[in-house]
Amino acid sequence: MPTDIEWTTLITYLGGKNDAGGKLKETRTIHWKSPNTGATNESGFTALPSGSRATNGSFHFVGEGGTCWSSMEYDASNAWFRSLTYNYSTLTNFYGRKQVGWSVRCLKD
């Protein structure tokens, strides 16, 4: 999984956090809820809106957003992640509970 530094490197390469999300997202609205703001997939990554899995096993936000873990902890219970949504082209940085299920972006060293 990428570190926060690796996420930051990718975001910088894609032109900053305000545009990076759109350049990672799959285009059109086959999987993403409309309007899928800023989606160009210029990176070729084709990010999909996988949503999240709650601690009780239920799924939420499928079609609306996609979130990928970072390998960086915030504290013992939380870790950093990056998030995309259908209505923004940004790639945002938050931390959340480790028990929540989000996607993983694998890197090859």
C-alpha atoms as a PDB file:
ATOM      1  CA  MET A   1       0.000   0.000   0.000  1.00  0.00           C
ATOM      2  CA  PRO A   2       1.231   3.517  -0.674  1.00  0.00           C
ATOM      3  CA  THR A   3       2.545   5.781   2.041  1.00  0.00           C
ATOM      4  CA  ASP A   4       1.198   9.292   2.390  1.00  0.00           C
ATOM      5  CA  ILE A   5       4.365  10.527   0.659  1.00  0.00           C
ATOM      6  CA  GLU A   6       3.640   8.270  -2.333  1.00  0.00           C
ATOM      7  CA  TRP A   7       0.043   9.543  -2.507  1.00  0.00           C
ATOM      8  CA  THR A   8       1.349  13.115  -2.376  1.00  0.00           C
ATOM      9  CA  THR A   9       3.815  12.374  -5.196  1.00  0.00           C
ATOM     10  CA  LEU A  10       0.984  11.016  -7.350  1.00  0.00           C
ATOM     11  CA  ILE A  11      -1.242  14.002  -6.591  1.00  0.00           C
ATOM     12  CA  THR A  12       1.534  16.436  -7.475  1.00  0.00           C
ATOM     13  CA  TYR A  13       2.211  14.583 -10.733  1.00  0.00           C
ATOM     14  CA  LEU A  14      -1.495  14.796 -11.622  1.00  0.00           C
ATOM     15  CA  GLY A  15      -1.600  18.561 -11.081  1.00  0.00           C
ATOM     16  CA  GLY A  16      -2.678  18.891  -7.449  1.00  0.00           C
ATOM     17  CA  LYS A  17      -5.458  17.624  -5.218  1.00  0.00           C
ATOM     18  CA  ASN A  18      -8.198  19.661  -6.915  1.00  0.00           C
ATOM     19  CA  ASP A  19      -7.758  17.841 -10.249  1.00  0.00           C
ATOM     20  CA  ALA A  20      -6.119  14.547  -9.287  1.00  0.00           C
ATOM     21  CA  GLY A  21      -9.383  12.806  -8.421  1.00  0.00           C
ATOM     22  CA  GLY A  22     -10.881  13.429 -11.829  1.00  0.00           C
ATOM     23  CA  LYS A  23      -7.735  12.221 -13.547  1.00  0.00           C
ATOM     24  CA  LEU A  24      -7.970   8.939 -11.615  1.00  0.00           C
ATOM     25  CA  LYS A  25     -11.714   8.277 -12.023  1.00  0.00           C
ATOM     26  CA  GLU A  26     -13.346   6.138 -14.674  1.00  0.00           C
ATOM     27  CA  THR A  27     -15.130   8.353 -17.195  1.00  0.00           C
ATOM     28  CA  ARG A  28     -18.888   8.401 -17.834  1.00  0.00           C
ATOM     29  CA  THR A  29     -21.530   7.228 -15.382  1.00  0.00           C
ATOM     30  CA  ILE A  30     -21.735   3.474 -15.927  1.00  0.00           C
ATOM     31  CA  HIS A  31     -20.459   2.859 -12.392  1.00  0.00           C
ATOM     32  CA  TRP A  32     -20.280   6.401 -10.977  1.00  0.00           C
ATOM     33  CA  LYS A  33     -23.366   8.330  -9.945  1.00  0.00           C
ATOM     34  CA  SER A  34     -24.000  11.366 -12.163  1.00  0.00           C
ATOM     35  CA  PRO A  35     -22.450  13.887 -12.711  1.00  0.00           C
ATOM     36  CA  ASN A  36     -19.029  12.220 -12.064  1.00  0.00           C
ATOM     37  CA  THR A  37     -17.451  15.662 -11.931  1.00  0.00           C
ATOM     38  CA  GLY A  38     -14.086  16.133 -13.638  1.00  0.00           C
ATOM     39  CA  ALA A  39     -13.651  12.456 -14.609  1.00  0.00           C
ATOM     40  CA  THR A  40     -11.081  12.141 -17.405  1.00  0.00           C
ATOM     41  CA  ASN A  41      -9.095   9.040 -16.368  1.00  0.00           C
ATOM     42  CA  GLU A  42      -6.004  10.740 -17.837  1.00  0.00           C
ATOM     43  CA  SER A  43      -3.903   8.634 -15.465  1.00  0.00           C
ATOM     44  CA  GLY A  44      -5.245   5.355 -16.859  1.00  0.00           C
ATOM     45  CA  PHE A  45      -6.007   4.181 -13.306  1.00  0.00           C
ATOM     46  CA  THR A  46      -9.792   3.863 -13.871  1.00  0.00           C
ATOM     47  CA  ALA A  47     -10.819   4.333 -10.231  1.00  0.00           C
ATOM     48  CA  LEU A  48     -14.231   2.856  -9.474  1.00  0.00           C
ATOM     49  CA  PRO A  49     -16.777   3.900  -6.817  1.00  0.00           C
ATOM     50  CA  SER A  50     -16.435   0.896  -4.522  1.00  0.00           C
ATOM     51  CA  GLY A  51     -18.035   2.580  -1.518  1.00  0.00           C
ATOM     52  CA  SER A  52     -17.217   1.222   1.921  1.00  0.00           C
ATOM     53  CA  ARG A  53     -17.974  -1.696   4.208  1.00  0.00           C
ATOM     54  CA  ALA A  54     -19.098  -0.775   7.728  1.00  0.00           C
ATOM     55  CA  THR A  55     -18.010  -2.665  10.838  1.00  0.00           C
ATOM     56  CA  ASN A  56     -21.420  -4.421  10.933  1.00  0.00           C
ATOM     57  CA  GLY A  57     -20.838  -5.813   7.405  1.00  0.00           C
ATOM     58  CA  SER A  58     -23.197  -3.482   5.527  1.00  0.00           C
ATOM     59  CA  PHE A  59     -22.072  -1.627   2.414  1.00  0.00           C
ATOM     60  CA  HIS A  60     -22.498   2.109   1.812  1.00  0.00           C
ATOM     61  CA  PHE A  61     -21.855   4.702  -0.913  1.00  0.00           C
ATOM     62  CA  VAL A  62     -21.333   2.198  -3.747  1.00  0.00           C
ATOM     63  CA  GLY A  63     -21.526   4.270  -6.938  1.00  0.00           C
ATOM     64  CA  GLU A  64     -20.883   7.509  -5.041  1.00  0.00           C
ATOM     65  CA  GLY A  65     -17.299   7.264  -3.883  1.00  0.00           C
ATOM     66  CA  GLY A  66     -14.106   5.301  -3.762  1.00  0.00           C
ATOM     67  CA  THR A  67     -11.608   5.254  -0.932  1.00  0.00           C
ATOM     68  CA  CYS A  68      -8.119   3.753  -0.748  1.00  0.00           C
ATOM     69  CA  TRP A  69      -6.108   3.143   2.377  1.00  0.00           C
ATOM     70  CA  SER A  70      -2.667   4.573   2.998  1.00  0.00           C
ATOM     71  CA  SER A  71      -0.085   2.558   4.911  1.00  0.00           C
ATOM     72  CA  MET A  72       0.272   5.456   7.365  1.00  0.00           C
ATOM     73  CA  GLU A  73      -1.395   5.265  10.760  1.00  0.00           C
ATOM     74  CA  TYR A  74      -3.034   8.271  12.373  1.00  0.00           C
ATOM     75  CA  ASP A  75      -3.093   6.532  15.758  1.00  0.00           C
ATOM     76  CA  ALA A  76      -3.625   3.009  17.120  1.00  0.00           C
ATOM     77  CA  SER A  77      -7.266   2.883  15.945  1.00  0.00           C
ATOM     78  CA  ASN A  78      -7.161   5.002  12.759  1.00  0.00           C
ATOM     79  CA  ALA A  79      -5.228   5.235   9.507  1.00  0.00           C
ATOM     80  CA  TRP A  80      -5.020   7.748   6.650  1.00  0.00           C
ATOM     81  CA  PHE A  81      -6.888   7.221   3.385  1.00  0.00           C
ATOM     82  CA  ARG A  82      -7.573   9.045   0.104  1.00  0.00           C
ATOM     83  CA  SER A  83     -11.113   9.492  -1.151  1.00  0.00           C
ATOM     84  CA  LEU A  84     -12.863  10.236  -4.470  1.00  0.00           C
ATOM     85  CA  THR A  85     -16.520  11.205  -4.906  1.00  0.00           C
ATOM     86  CA  TYR A  86     -18.902  11.466  -7.841  1.00  0.00           C
ATOM     87  CA  ASN A  87     -19.575  15.182  -7.345  1.00  0.00           C
ATOM     88  CA  TYR A  88     -15.994  16.507  -7.020  1.00  0.00           C
ATOM     89  CA  SER A  89     -12.750  16.140  -8.956  1.00  0.00           C
ATOM     90  CA  THR A  90     -10.630  16.378  -5.800  1.00  0.00           C
ATOM     91  CA  LEU A  91      -8.681  13.610  -4.120  1.00  0.00           C
ATOM     92  CA  THR A  92      -9.087  14.237  -0.408  1.00  0.00           C
ATOM     93  CA  ASN A  93      -7.095  13.019   2.566  1.00  0.00           C
ATOM     94  CA  PHE A  94      -8.785  11.881   5.792  1.00  0.00           C
ATOM     95  CA  TYR A  95      -8.259   9.367   8.544  1.00  0.00           C
ATOM     96  CA  GLY A  96     -10.715   6.712   9.635  1.00  0.00           C
ATOM     97  CA  ARG A  97     -11.213   3.629  11.764  1.00  0.00           C
ATOM     98  CA  LYS A  98      -9.166   0.641  10.687  1.00  0.00           C
ATOM     99  CA  GLN A  99     -12.184  -1.665  11.043  1.00  0.00           C
ATOM    100  CA  VAL A 100     -13.948  -0.003   8.074  1.00  0.00           C
ATOM    101  CA  GLY A 101     -13.487  -1.721   4.718  1.00  0.00           C
ATOM    102  CA  TRP A 102     -12.022   0.428   1.945  1.00  0.00           C
ATOM    103  CA  SER A 103     -10.096  -0.399  -1.188  1.00  0.00           C
ATOM    104  CA  VAL A 104      -6.354  -0.929  -1.418  1.00  0.00           C
ATOM    105  CA  ARG A 105      -4.119   0.488  -4.154  1.00  0.00           C
ATOM    106  CA  CYS A 106      -1.136  -1.814  -4.533  1.00  0.00           C
ATOM    107  CA  LEU A 107       2.286  -0.534  -5.605  1.00  0.00           C
ATOM    108  CA  LYS A 108       5.258  -2.348  -7.019  1.00  0.00           C
ATOM    109  CA  ASP A 109       8.633  -1.231  -5.662  1.00  0.00           C
END
